[in-house]
N, C-alpha and C. Protein backbone atom coordinates (compact mmCIF):
# COMPACT_ATOMS: atom_id res chain seq x y z
N MET A 1 69.22 130.62 137.06
CA MET A 1 69.75 129.30 136.78
C MET A 1 68.65 128.27 136.69
N ALA A 2 67.68 128.40 137.54
CA ALA A 2 66.55 127.46 137.49
C ALA A 2 65.79 127.60 136.17
N SER A 3 65.69 128.83 135.70
CA SER A 3 64.99 129.12 134.38
C SER A 3 65.82 128.51 133.25
N ALA A 4 67.18 128.58 133.34
CA ALA A 4 68.02 127.97 132.37
C ALA A 4 67.84 126.48 132.35
N ARG A 5 67.73 125.89 133.50
CA ARG A 5 67.55 124.45 133.54
C ARG A 5 66.19 124.04 132.94
N ARG A 6 65.12 124.77 133.27
CA ARG A 6 63.81 124.41 132.72
C ARG A 6 63.78 124.56 131.20
N ALA A 7 64.60 125.52 130.68
CA ALA A 7 64.58 125.73 129.21
C ALA A 7 65.54 124.80 128.50
N GLY A 8 66.20 123.94 129.24
CA GLY A 8 67.09 122.98 128.63
C GLY A 8 68.45 123.53 128.14
N VAL A 9 68.80 124.67 128.79
CA VAL A 9 70.09 125.27 128.43
C VAL A 9 71.25 124.37 128.91
N ARG A 10 72.20 124.16 128.01
CA ARG A 10 73.32 123.22 128.37
C ARG A 10 74.51 123.92 128.92
N ARG A 11 74.63 125.20 128.64
CA ARG A 11 75.78 125.99 129.17
C ARG A 11 75.40 127.35 129.55
N VAL A 12 75.88 127.85 130.66
CA VAL A 12 75.71 129.23 131.07
C VAL A 12 77.09 129.85 131.28
N VAL A 13 77.26 131.05 130.66
CA VAL A 13 78.52 131.83 130.86
C VAL A 13 78.21 132.90 131.83
N LEU A 14 78.83 132.90 132.98
CA LEU A 14 78.63 133.78 134.08
C LEU A 14 79.69 134.91 134.12
N THR A 15 79.23 136.15 134.23
CA THR A 15 80.18 137.23 134.42
C THR A 15 80.51 137.37 135.89
N SER A 16 81.62 136.93 136.33
CA SER A 16 82.08 137.10 137.71
C SER A 16 83.06 138.24 137.77
N SER A 17 84.08 138.15 138.57
CA SER A 17 85.04 139.24 138.76
C SER A 17 86.23 138.76 139.46
N VAL A 18 87.37 139.44 139.34
CA VAL A 18 88.53 139.08 140.15
C VAL A 18 88.23 139.38 141.65
N ALA A 19 87.14 140.11 141.93
CA ALA A 19 86.73 140.31 143.32
C ALA A 19 86.41 139.02 143.96
N ALA A 20 86.03 137.98 143.15
CA ALA A 20 85.76 136.67 143.69
C ALA A 20 87.05 135.85 143.94
N LEU A 21 88.18 136.35 143.49
CA LEU A 21 89.45 135.67 143.72
C LEU A 21 90.10 136.09 145.04
N ARG A 22 89.95 137.37 145.36
CA ARG A 22 90.67 137.86 146.56
C ARG A 22 90.01 139.11 147.15
N GLY A 23 90.13 139.26 148.44
CA GLY A 23 89.61 140.47 149.14
C GLY A 23 90.84 141.22 149.66
N SER A 24 90.49 142.30 150.34
CA SER A 24 91.54 143.22 150.89
C SER A 24 92.46 142.47 151.84
N GLY A 25 93.75 142.58 151.54
CA GLY A 25 94.76 141.96 152.38
C GLY A 25 94.95 140.48 152.17
N GLN A 26 94.22 139.83 151.32
CA GLN A 26 94.32 138.41 151.15
C GLN A 26 95.54 138.08 150.28
N LYS A 27 96.19 137.01 150.66
CA LYS A 27 97.42 136.53 149.90
C LYS A 27 97.05 135.37 149.00
N PRO A 28 97.72 135.30 147.87
CA PRO A 28 97.46 134.20 146.91
C PRO A 28 97.87 132.86 147.53
N ARG A 29 97.21 131.81 147.13
CA ARG A 29 97.47 130.51 147.68
C ARG A 29 98.88 130.04 147.35
N ASN A 30 99.36 130.34 146.18
CA ASN A 30 100.74 129.92 145.80
C ASN A 30 101.85 130.82 146.32
N GLY A 31 101.45 131.91 147.02
CA GLY A 31 102.41 132.80 147.59
C GLY A 31 103.00 133.83 146.57
N GLU A 32 102.57 133.76 145.28
CA GLU A 32 103.15 134.62 144.32
C GLU A 32 102.10 135.47 143.55
N PHE A 33 101.11 134.83 143.04
CA PHE A 33 100.07 135.55 142.28
C PHE A 33 98.79 134.76 142.31
N PHE A 34 97.68 135.42 142.00
CA PHE A 34 96.33 134.80 142.09
C PHE A 34 96.05 134.04 140.80
N THR A 35 95.39 132.87 141.00
CA THR A 35 95.02 131.99 139.89
C THR A 35 93.53 131.67 140.02
N SER A 36 93.00 130.87 139.10
CA SER A 36 91.63 130.45 139.14
C SER A 36 91.34 129.51 140.30
N ASP A 37 92.40 129.07 140.99
CA ASP A 37 92.18 128.22 142.16
C ASP A 37 91.93 129.03 143.42
N ASP A 38 92.15 130.34 143.38
CA ASP A 38 91.90 131.22 144.50
C ASP A 38 90.45 131.60 144.63
N TRP A 39 90.04 131.80 145.90
CA TRP A 39 88.69 132.32 146.15
C TRP A 39 88.82 133.36 147.23
N ASN A 40 87.94 134.38 147.13
CA ASN A 40 87.87 135.43 148.11
C ASN A 40 87.34 134.82 149.40
N THR A 41 88.12 134.82 150.47
CA THR A 41 87.68 134.21 151.72
C THR A 41 87.57 135.25 152.85
N VAL A 42 87.76 136.55 152.53
CA VAL A 42 87.84 137.57 153.59
C VAL A 42 86.70 138.58 153.50
N SER A 43 86.19 138.86 152.35
CA SER A 43 85.14 139.89 152.23
C SER A 43 83.83 139.44 152.85
N THR A 44 83.14 140.35 153.48
CA THR A 44 81.87 140.00 154.15
C THR A 44 80.74 140.94 153.58
N LYS A 45 79.52 140.49 153.74
CA LYS A 45 78.42 141.29 153.22
C LYS A 45 78.20 142.59 153.93
N ASP A 46 78.69 142.63 155.19
CA ASP A 46 78.55 143.88 155.97
C ASP A 46 79.86 144.62 156.15
N GLY A 47 80.87 144.26 155.35
CA GLY A 47 82.16 144.88 155.47
C GLY A 47 82.23 146.30 154.87
N PRO A 48 83.29 146.99 155.13
CA PRO A 48 83.46 148.35 154.62
C PRO A 48 83.72 148.45 153.15
N GLY A 49 83.55 149.65 152.62
CA GLY A 49 83.92 149.88 151.20
C GLY A 49 83.21 148.95 150.21
N MET A 50 84.02 148.30 149.38
CA MET A 50 83.48 147.43 148.32
C MET A 50 83.26 146.01 148.74
N GLU A 51 83.35 145.73 150.07
CA GLU A 51 83.31 144.35 150.48
C GLU A 51 81.97 143.66 150.17
N ALA A 52 80.85 144.39 150.31
CA ALA A 52 79.53 143.80 149.93
C ALA A 52 79.49 143.34 148.50
N TYR A 53 80.04 144.11 147.61
CA TYR A 53 80.10 143.77 146.22
C TYR A 53 81.00 142.53 145.99
N GLN A 54 82.18 142.59 146.61
CA GLN A 54 83.09 141.42 146.52
C GLN A 54 82.47 140.17 147.08
N TYR A 55 81.83 140.26 148.17
CA TYR A 55 81.13 139.10 148.78
C TYR A 55 80.03 138.58 147.87
N GLY A 56 79.27 139.51 147.32
CA GLY A 56 78.20 139.08 146.40
C GLY A 56 78.70 138.36 145.19
N LYS A 57 79.77 138.90 144.60
CA LYS A 57 80.36 138.25 143.44
C LYS A 57 80.88 136.83 143.77
N THR A 58 81.50 136.73 144.91
CA THR A 58 82.06 135.41 145.32
C THR A 58 80.93 134.36 145.53
N GLN A 59 79.92 134.79 146.29
CA GLN A 59 78.84 133.86 146.65
C GLN A 59 77.98 133.47 145.43
N SER A 60 77.75 134.45 144.56
CA SER A 60 76.89 134.17 143.38
C SER A 60 77.65 133.24 142.46
N GLU A 61 78.98 133.39 142.28
CA GLU A 61 79.70 132.48 141.44
C GLU A 61 79.74 131.05 142.05
N LYS A 62 79.97 130.93 143.36
CA LYS A 62 80.01 129.65 144.00
C LYS A 62 78.67 128.96 143.83
N GLU A 63 77.56 129.66 144.01
CA GLU A 63 76.25 129.03 143.95
C GLU A 63 75.93 128.61 142.51
N ALA A 64 76.32 129.46 141.53
CA ALA A 64 76.06 129.11 140.13
C ALA A 64 76.84 127.84 139.76
N LEU A 65 78.10 127.73 140.15
CA LEU A 65 78.91 126.59 139.85
C LEU A 65 78.38 125.31 140.47
N GLN A 66 77.89 125.48 141.73
CA GLN A 66 77.31 124.37 142.45
C GLN A 66 76.00 123.91 141.80
N PHE A 67 75.18 124.86 141.41
CA PHE A 67 73.92 124.51 140.70
C PHE A 67 74.23 123.74 139.44
N GLY A 68 75.20 124.21 138.69
CA GLY A 68 75.58 123.51 137.51
C GLY A 68 76.00 122.08 137.69
N ARG A 69 76.81 121.87 138.74
CA ARG A 69 77.24 120.48 139.03
C ARG A 69 76.03 119.61 139.46
N GLU A 70 75.11 120.17 140.19
CA GLU A 70 74.00 119.37 140.68
C GLU A 70 72.99 119.05 139.55
N HIS A 71 72.87 119.92 138.55
CA HIS A 71 71.81 119.77 137.59
C HIS A 71 72.34 119.52 136.14
N GLY A 72 73.63 119.29 136.00
CA GLY A 72 74.12 118.86 134.70
C GLY A 72 74.25 120.04 133.71
N ILE A 73 74.40 121.22 134.20
CA ILE A 73 74.59 122.38 133.34
C ILE A 73 76.06 122.83 133.35
N GLU A 74 76.62 123.07 132.22
CA GLU A 74 78.03 123.55 132.17
C GLU A 74 78.02 125.05 132.52
N VAL A 75 78.54 125.35 133.68
CA VAL A 75 78.61 126.77 134.05
C VAL A 75 80.04 127.23 133.96
N VAL A 76 80.30 128.28 133.17
CA VAL A 76 81.62 128.78 132.97
C VAL A 76 81.69 130.19 133.49
N SER A 77 82.67 130.51 134.28
CA SER A 77 82.83 131.81 134.85
C SER A 77 83.94 132.59 134.14
N ILE A 78 83.64 133.83 133.83
CA ILE A 78 84.62 134.73 133.27
C ILE A 78 84.88 135.79 134.35
N LEU A 79 86.16 135.93 134.77
CA LEU A 79 86.53 136.79 135.85
C LEU A 79 87.41 137.93 135.27
N PRO A 80 86.78 139.02 134.80
CA PRO A 80 87.59 140.15 134.31
C PRO A 80 88.19 140.95 135.44
N THR A 81 89.25 141.62 135.16
CA THR A 81 89.84 142.57 136.05
C THR A 81 89.03 143.88 135.91
N PHE A 82 89.57 145.03 136.31
CA PHE A 82 88.87 146.33 136.25
C PHE A 82 88.56 146.67 134.80
N LEU A 83 87.23 146.75 134.48
CA LEU A 83 86.84 146.94 133.09
C LEU A 83 86.92 148.36 132.63
N LEU A 84 87.69 148.64 131.60
CA LEU A 84 87.75 149.90 130.92
C LEU A 84 87.70 149.70 129.41
N GLY A 85 87.55 150.77 128.72
CA GLY A 85 87.48 150.63 127.23
C GLY A 85 86.33 151.48 126.70
N PRO A 86 86.20 151.51 125.37
CA PRO A 86 85.20 152.41 124.77
C PRO A 86 83.77 151.96 125.06
N PRO A 87 82.96 152.80 125.66
CA PRO A 87 81.52 152.48 125.87
C PRO A 87 80.75 152.69 124.58
N ARG A 88 79.52 152.20 124.54
CA ARG A 88 78.69 152.40 123.33
C ARG A 88 78.35 153.83 123.06
N SER A 89 78.33 154.67 124.08
CA SER A 89 78.06 156.09 123.95
C SER A 89 78.72 156.81 125.13
N SER A 90 78.82 158.15 125.04
CA SER A 90 79.45 158.93 126.08
C SER A 90 78.55 159.04 127.31
N GLY A 91 77.26 158.59 127.21
CA GLY A 91 76.37 158.67 128.31
C GLY A 91 76.36 157.50 129.19
N VAL A 92 77.11 156.43 128.89
CA VAL A 92 77.12 155.21 129.73
C VAL A 92 77.67 155.58 131.11
N LYS A 93 76.98 155.04 132.17
CA LYS A 93 77.36 155.41 133.48
C LYS A 93 77.69 154.20 134.33
N SER A 94 78.57 153.32 133.87
CA SER A 94 79.04 152.24 134.64
C SER A 94 79.88 152.70 135.80
N ALA A 95 80.05 151.86 136.77
CA ALA A 95 80.87 152.31 137.97
C ALA A 95 82.28 152.61 137.59
N SER A 96 82.88 151.91 136.72
CA SER A 96 84.28 152.17 136.33
C SER A 96 84.37 153.46 135.56
N LEU A 97 83.48 153.68 134.62
CA LEU A 97 83.52 154.94 133.86
C LEU A 97 83.22 156.17 134.76
N GLN A 98 82.36 155.99 135.69
CA GLN A 98 82.08 157.10 136.67
C GLN A 98 83.34 157.47 137.40
N GLN A 99 84.10 156.45 137.78
CA GLN A 99 85.33 156.70 138.51
C GLN A 99 86.34 157.43 137.55
N VAL A 100 86.41 157.08 136.29
CA VAL A 100 87.28 157.77 135.37
C VAL A 100 86.83 159.22 135.19
N ARG A 101 85.54 159.44 135.11
CA ARG A 101 85.02 160.82 134.98
C ARG A 101 85.43 161.66 136.19
N ARG A 102 85.38 161.12 137.39
CA ARG A 102 85.80 161.82 138.57
C ARG A 102 87.31 162.21 138.48
N TRP A 103 88.06 161.29 138.03
CA TRP A 103 89.55 161.56 137.86
C TRP A 103 89.75 162.71 136.87
N LEU A 104 88.97 162.62 135.77
CA LEU A 104 89.12 163.67 134.69
C LEU A 104 88.71 165.04 135.20
N ARG A 105 87.83 165.09 136.16
CA ARG A 105 87.46 166.36 136.76
C ARG A 105 88.37 166.80 137.89
N GLY A 106 89.36 165.96 138.17
CA GLY A 106 90.32 166.31 139.26
C GLY A 106 89.76 165.99 140.66
N GLU A 107 88.81 165.10 140.72
CA GLU A 107 88.24 164.70 142.05
C GLU A 107 88.93 163.46 142.57
N GLY A 108 89.41 163.50 143.77
CA GLY A 108 90.16 162.39 144.38
C GLY A 108 91.45 162.18 143.62
N LYS A 109 92.13 161.10 143.96
CA LYS A 109 93.42 160.80 143.33
C LYS A 109 93.27 159.58 142.43
N VAL A 110 94.01 159.57 141.29
CA VAL A 110 94.01 158.49 140.39
C VAL A 110 94.73 157.32 141.09
N GLN A 111 94.07 156.17 141.02
CA GLN A 111 94.60 154.99 141.69
C GLN A 111 95.10 153.89 140.76
N THR A 112 95.98 153.10 141.23
CA THR A 112 96.47 151.93 140.48
C THR A 112 95.30 151.02 140.14
N ARG A 113 95.33 150.40 138.99
CA ARG A 113 94.26 149.45 138.57
C ARG A 113 94.83 148.30 137.80
N LEU A 114 94.19 147.14 137.93
CA LEU A 114 94.47 145.94 137.14
C LEU A 114 93.44 145.93 136.06
N ILE A 115 93.80 146.20 134.81
CA ILE A 115 92.84 146.56 133.78
C ILE A 115 92.49 145.45 132.81
N CYS A 116 91.25 145.45 132.43
CA CYS A 116 90.76 144.52 131.34
C CYS A 116 89.98 145.36 130.33
N ASP A 117 90.29 145.24 129.08
CA ASP A 117 89.53 145.94 128.06
C ASP A 117 88.18 145.23 127.88
N VAL A 118 87.10 146.08 127.76
CA VAL A 118 85.75 145.46 127.61
C VAL A 118 85.72 144.55 126.35
N ARG A 119 86.47 144.89 125.31
CA ARG A 119 86.47 144.10 124.07
C ARG A 119 87.07 142.74 124.31
N ASP A 120 88.11 142.66 125.14
CA ASP A 120 88.73 141.35 125.47
C ASP A 120 87.73 140.59 126.34
N ALA A 121 87.03 141.26 127.24
CA ALA A 121 86.00 140.56 128.05
C ALA A 121 84.95 139.97 127.19
N ALA A 122 84.52 140.68 126.19
CA ALA A 122 83.48 140.26 125.28
C ALA A 122 83.95 139.03 124.48
N ARG A 123 85.18 139.14 124.02
CA ARG A 123 85.78 137.97 123.27
C ARG A 123 85.84 136.71 124.16
N ALA A 124 86.16 136.92 125.45
CA ALA A 124 86.23 135.74 126.36
C ALA A 124 84.88 135.14 126.58
N HIS A 125 83.88 135.96 126.72
CA HIS A 125 82.48 135.42 126.89
C HIS A 125 82.03 134.58 125.69
N LEU A 126 82.33 135.15 124.47
CA LEU A 126 81.90 134.39 123.27
C LEU A 126 82.70 133.09 123.14
N ALA A 127 83.99 133.15 123.45
CA ALA A 127 84.82 131.97 123.35
C ALA A 127 84.34 130.90 124.31
N ALA A 128 83.98 131.33 125.57
CA ALA A 128 83.50 130.41 126.58
C ALA A 128 82.20 129.75 126.17
N ALA A 129 81.38 130.48 125.47
CA ALA A 129 80.09 129.95 124.99
C ALA A 129 80.25 128.97 123.91
N GLU A 130 81.27 129.14 123.07
CA GLU A 130 81.42 128.33 121.84
C GLU A 130 82.42 127.22 121.95
N MET A 131 83.29 127.20 122.99
CA MET A 131 84.31 126.16 123.08
C MET A 131 83.66 124.79 123.29
N PRO A 132 84.27 123.79 122.73
CA PRO A 132 83.73 122.38 122.91
C PRO A 132 83.79 121.98 124.33
N GLY A 133 82.82 121.13 124.73
CA GLY A 133 82.74 120.69 126.09
C GLY A 133 83.96 120.04 126.61
N GLU A 134 84.63 119.29 125.72
CA GLU A 134 85.80 118.55 126.20
C GLU A 134 87.01 119.50 126.52
N ALA A 135 86.90 120.71 126.04
CA ALA A 135 87.99 121.66 126.24
C ALA A 135 87.83 122.43 127.58
N LEU A 136 86.69 122.24 128.21
CA LEU A 136 86.47 122.91 129.50
C LEU A 136 87.40 122.38 130.56
N SER A 137 88.03 123.30 131.35
CA SER A 137 88.86 122.87 132.43
C SER A 137 87.98 122.42 133.57
N GLU A 138 88.62 121.75 134.50
CA GLU A 138 87.87 121.25 135.64
C GLU A 138 87.29 122.37 136.51
N SER A 139 88.05 123.45 136.60
CA SER A 139 87.62 124.56 137.44
C SER A 139 86.55 125.41 136.73
N ARG A 140 86.66 125.48 135.38
CA ARG A 140 85.73 126.31 134.62
C ARG A 140 85.66 127.74 135.03
N ARG A 141 86.76 128.26 135.52
CA ARG A 141 86.92 129.70 135.84
C ARG A 141 88.04 130.23 134.99
N PHE A 142 87.78 131.34 134.33
CA PHE A 142 88.72 131.92 133.40
C PHE A 142 88.95 133.42 133.75
N ILE A 143 90.19 133.74 134.10
CA ILE A 143 90.56 135.14 134.44
C ILE A 143 90.94 135.84 133.16
N VAL A 144 90.43 137.04 132.97
CA VAL A 144 90.71 137.75 131.75
C VAL A 144 91.13 139.20 132.12
N GLY A 145 92.28 139.60 131.59
CA GLY A 145 92.79 140.96 131.83
C GLY A 145 94.27 140.94 131.90
N GLN A 146 94.84 142.15 132.15
CA GLN A 146 96.28 142.25 132.29
C GLN A 146 96.76 141.55 133.56
N GLU A 147 97.92 140.96 133.44
CA GLU A 147 98.49 140.29 134.65
C GLU A 147 99.20 141.29 135.54
N ARG A 148 99.62 142.38 134.95
CA ARG A 148 100.39 143.40 135.66
C ARG A 148 99.51 144.60 135.94
N ARG A 149 99.57 145.12 137.16
CA ARG A 149 98.81 146.27 137.57
C ARG A 149 99.39 147.55 136.95
N THR A 150 98.54 148.35 136.41
CA THR A 150 98.94 149.68 135.87
C THR A 150 99.07 150.64 137.04
N SER A 151 100.24 151.26 137.19
CA SER A 151 100.42 152.17 138.31
C SER A 151 99.55 153.39 138.20
N ALA A 152 99.38 154.08 139.34
CA ALA A 152 98.57 155.26 139.33
C ALA A 152 99.19 156.36 138.44
N GLU A 153 100.50 156.46 138.46
CA GLU A 153 101.18 157.46 137.63
C GLU A 153 101.03 157.10 136.16
N GLU A 154 101.16 155.84 135.78
CA GLU A 154 100.99 155.43 134.35
C GLU A 154 99.60 155.77 133.91
N LEU A 155 98.56 155.43 134.72
CA LEU A 155 97.21 155.65 134.38
C LEU A 155 96.89 157.16 134.22
N ARG A 156 97.46 157.91 135.12
CA ARG A 156 97.28 159.39 135.06
C ARG A 156 97.87 159.93 133.75
N GLU A 157 99.05 159.53 133.39
CA GLU A 157 99.66 160.01 132.16
C GLU A 157 98.82 159.65 130.92
N LEU A 158 98.24 158.46 130.92
CA LEU A 158 97.37 158.06 129.81
C LEU A 158 96.11 158.91 129.73
N LEU A 159 95.56 159.28 130.87
CA LEU A 159 94.38 160.12 130.88
C LEU A 159 94.71 161.53 130.40
N ILE A 160 95.86 162.03 130.83
CA ILE A 160 96.32 163.40 130.39
C ILE A 160 96.56 163.36 128.89
N ARG A 161 97.21 162.32 128.39
CA ARG A 161 97.51 162.23 127.00
C ARG A 161 96.24 162.19 126.16
N GLY A 162 95.22 161.47 126.65
CA GLY A 162 93.95 161.36 125.92
C GLY A 162 93.26 162.73 125.81
N CYS A 163 93.34 163.54 126.89
CA CYS A 163 92.74 164.90 126.89
C CYS A 163 93.46 165.74 125.88
N LEU A 164 94.81 165.74 125.92
CA LEU A 164 95.59 166.63 125.04
C LEU A 164 95.43 166.20 123.63
N ASP A 165 95.27 164.92 123.35
CA ASP A 165 95.10 164.46 121.98
C ASP A 165 93.85 165.01 121.33
N MET A 166 92.87 165.33 122.18
CA MET A 166 91.58 165.98 121.73
C MET A 166 91.55 167.43 121.93
N SER A 167 92.72 168.02 122.23
CA SER A 167 92.89 169.48 122.43
C SER A 167 91.96 169.97 123.55
N LEU A 168 91.81 169.17 124.58
CA LEU A 168 91.01 169.52 125.72
C LEU A 168 91.87 169.76 126.95
N PRO A 169 91.41 170.60 127.88
CA PRO A 169 92.16 170.78 129.14
C PRO A 169 92.23 169.45 129.88
N ALA A 170 93.28 169.31 130.73
CA ALA A 170 93.49 168.06 131.40
C ALA A 170 93.61 168.32 132.91
N PRO A 171 92.59 168.58 133.59
CA PRO A 171 92.62 168.86 135.07
C PRO A 171 92.61 167.52 135.83
N VAL A 172 93.41 166.56 135.36
CA VAL A 172 93.38 165.20 135.93
C VAL A 172 93.94 165.19 137.31
N SER A 173 93.29 164.33 138.18
CA SER A 173 93.72 164.24 139.52
C SER A 173 95.14 163.84 139.64
N PRO A 174 95.87 164.14 140.75
CA PRO A 174 97.20 163.65 140.98
C PRO A 174 97.19 162.14 141.25
N ALA A 175 98.32 161.51 141.13
CA ALA A 175 98.42 160.06 141.32
C ALA A 175 98.51 159.72 142.80
N ASP A 176 97.84 158.69 143.19
CA ASP A 176 97.91 158.20 144.57
C ASP A 176 99.11 157.30 144.67
N ASP A 177 99.82 157.36 145.82
CA ASP A 177 100.94 156.46 145.97
C ASP A 177 100.62 155.17 146.73
N TRP A 178 99.28 154.90 146.83
CA TRP A 178 98.83 153.68 147.51
C TRP A 178 99.30 152.44 146.76
N ILE A 179 99.77 151.46 147.48
CA ILE A 179 100.28 150.22 146.89
C ILE A 179 99.24 149.13 147.20
N PHE A 180 98.84 148.38 146.18
CA PHE A 180 97.77 147.39 146.33
C PHE A 180 98.19 146.32 147.37
N SER A 181 99.34 145.76 147.22
CA SER A 181 99.80 144.74 148.15
C SER A 181 101.31 144.65 148.13
N GLU A 182 101.90 144.61 149.30
CA GLU A 182 103.33 144.42 149.40
C GLU A 182 103.70 142.93 149.49
N ASP A 183 102.70 142.10 149.54
CA ASP A 183 102.92 140.66 149.68
C ASP A 183 103.24 139.97 148.34
N LEU A 184 102.78 140.58 147.24
CA LEU A 184 102.93 139.98 145.95
C LEU A 184 104.42 140.08 145.53
N LYS A 185 104.93 139.00 144.92
CA LYS A 185 106.31 138.95 144.47
C LYS A 185 106.38 139.29 143.00
N GLY A 186 107.08 140.34 142.64
CA GLY A 186 107.20 140.69 141.21
C GLY A 186 105.99 141.49 140.76
N ASP A 187 105.93 141.67 139.42
CA ASP A 187 104.88 142.51 138.81
C ASP A 187 103.58 141.76 138.59
N LYS A 188 103.65 140.43 138.47
CA LYS A 188 102.52 139.64 138.09
C LYS A 188 101.54 139.48 139.29
N GLU A 189 100.31 139.96 139.10
CA GLU A 189 99.35 139.89 140.21
C GLU A 189 98.39 138.77 140.01
N VAL A 190 97.96 138.49 138.77
CA VAL A 190 97.03 137.42 138.48
C VAL A 190 97.58 136.60 137.31
N GLU A 191 97.24 135.38 137.21
CA GLU A 191 97.66 134.47 136.12
C GLU A 191 96.53 134.34 135.15
N THR A 192 96.66 135.04 134.03
CA THR A 192 95.61 134.96 132.97
C THR A 192 96.01 134.13 131.79
N SER A 193 97.26 133.87 131.64
CA SER A 193 97.76 133.17 130.40
C SER A 193 97.06 131.77 130.19
N ALA A 194 96.92 131.05 131.28
CA ALA A 194 96.30 129.69 131.17
C ALA A 194 94.86 129.86 130.69
N SER A 195 94.15 130.81 131.20
CA SER A 195 92.75 131.08 130.80
C SER A 195 92.68 131.43 129.34
N LEU A 196 93.57 132.32 128.90
CA LEU A 196 93.49 132.79 127.52
C LEU A 196 93.82 131.66 126.59
N ARG A 197 94.77 130.80 126.92
CA ARG A 197 95.08 129.63 126.10
C ARG A 197 93.89 128.73 126.00
N ALA A 198 93.28 128.41 127.12
CA ALA A 198 92.10 127.53 127.14
C ALA A 198 90.93 128.04 126.34
N LEU A 199 90.78 129.39 126.34
CA LEU A 199 89.68 130.04 125.59
C LEU A 199 90.02 130.15 124.08
N GLY A 200 91.30 129.96 123.74
CA GLY A 200 91.74 130.07 122.34
C GLY A 200 91.94 131.54 121.97
N ILE A 201 92.17 132.38 122.91
CA ILE A 201 92.34 133.82 122.62
C ILE A 201 93.84 134.18 122.35
N GLY A 202 94.74 133.39 122.93
CA GLY A 202 96.17 133.62 122.76
C GLY A 202 96.91 132.86 123.76
N SER A 203 98.22 132.99 123.72
CA SER A 203 99.05 132.29 124.66
C SER A 203 99.42 133.07 125.92
N GLY A 204 99.00 134.33 125.98
CA GLY A 204 99.29 135.12 127.16
C GLY A 204 98.73 136.53 127.06
N ALA A 205 98.97 137.33 128.13
CA ALA A 205 98.38 138.69 128.17
C ALA A 205 98.84 139.60 127.02
N GLU A 206 99.93 139.22 126.33
CA GLU A 206 100.39 140.02 125.23
C GLU A 206 99.42 139.99 124.04
N HIS A 207 98.49 139.05 124.07
CA HIS A 207 97.52 138.97 123.03
C HIS A 207 96.24 139.76 123.34
N LEU A 208 96.21 140.44 124.50
CA LEU A 208 95.17 141.33 124.85
C LEU A 208 95.46 142.74 124.31
N LEU A 209 94.41 143.51 124.24
CA LEU A 209 94.63 144.93 123.83
C LEU A 209 95.47 145.66 124.86
N PRO A 210 96.46 146.45 124.40
CA PRO A 210 97.32 147.15 125.39
C PRO A 210 96.56 148.19 126.16
N VAL A 211 97.03 148.46 127.35
CA VAL A 211 96.31 149.40 128.26
C VAL A 211 96.19 150.81 127.60
N ALA A 212 97.29 151.20 126.91
CA ALA A 212 97.27 152.54 126.30
C ALA A 212 96.14 152.62 125.27
N GLN A 213 95.91 151.58 124.51
CA GLN A 213 94.84 151.59 123.56
C GLN A 213 93.45 151.59 124.22
N THR A 214 93.37 150.81 125.32
CA THR A 214 92.13 150.76 126.12
C THR A 214 91.72 152.11 126.59
N VAL A 215 92.66 152.78 127.24
CA VAL A 215 92.38 154.10 127.77
C VAL A 215 92.13 155.14 126.66
N GLY A 216 92.95 155.12 125.65
CA GLY A 216 92.76 156.07 124.55
C GLY A 216 91.47 155.92 123.83
N ASP A 217 91.08 154.70 123.55
CA ASP A 217 89.77 154.51 122.88
C ASP A 217 88.60 154.87 123.77
N MET A 218 88.76 154.62 125.05
CA MET A 218 87.70 154.99 126.03
C MET A 218 87.54 156.47 126.06
N LEU A 219 88.62 157.26 126.11
CA LEU A 219 88.54 158.71 126.19
C LEU A 219 87.96 159.35 124.92
N LYS A 220 88.17 158.73 123.80
CA LYS A 220 87.67 159.26 122.57
C LYS A 220 86.12 159.31 122.60
N VAL A 221 85.52 158.33 123.30
CA VAL A 221 84.06 158.32 123.41
C VAL A 221 83.62 159.18 124.61
N LEU A 222 84.30 159.01 125.75
CA LEU A 222 83.86 159.79 126.92
C LEU A 222 83.96 161.30 126.72
N LEU A 223 84.91 161.72 125.98
CA LEU A 223 85.18 163.15 125.84
C LEU A 223 84.54 163.75 124.63
N GLN A 224 83.68 162.99 123.94
CA GLN A 224 82.97 163.52 122.74
C GLN A 224 82.13 164.72 123.00
N GLU A 225 81.36 164.65 124.12
CA GLU A 225 80.46 165.74 124.47
C GLU A 225 81.25 167.00 124.84
N THR A 226 82.37 166.80 125.58
CA THR A 226 83.20 167.91 125.95
C THR A 226 83.81 168.55 124.72
N ALA A 227 84.28 167.75 123.81
CA ALA A 227 84.93 168.27 122.57
C ALA A 227 83.97 169.07 121.72
N SER A 228 82.72 168.58 121.69
CA SER A 228 81.69 169.25 120.82
C SER A 228 81.13 170.52 121.51
């Protein structure tokens, strides 16, 4: 950020995460679903599992936004949900793709996920960089991804279908019956429609790529080596 300031950069688009919105067991402020007004207040740097990552995402976003306010730089945060979609090659080893590979090998159980297509995330970053300054919201935080969580069983079926479409065996892991949160009311977990409208991407999550296409296109790339 200091380098951006010295270079005279007027706007920085930061890749944050919904991990900065909420941590394990945290309830949304409005009692129904998470919005850009929510912040992760429970994850710690020494906590179990993914808490260190969640804490890091939260703190880095807060510090970037604060730096922007203090030094006159427009800092815009993009908060994607769990990123899936077609990688540039079958050799890409991002954390999310590595998890999918484990499921395809039958390791562990397929879990429910709140999914964002990487192509939608890319569109959001470009839109945030190009939108006029007067269109920026006060919060400057934009959530991108599906509002509804894809169940473990749904995701498992999509993985199996992708394997079969390429005439490959499908030793996909069984579905986990773990529930993300019993406190959320209804199917909607995060509010992305307002962010998409502000970015000019559409009026709601229906303008995002469907999960079935996200998973299908991802598997066409991931399974290329296996198919050959």
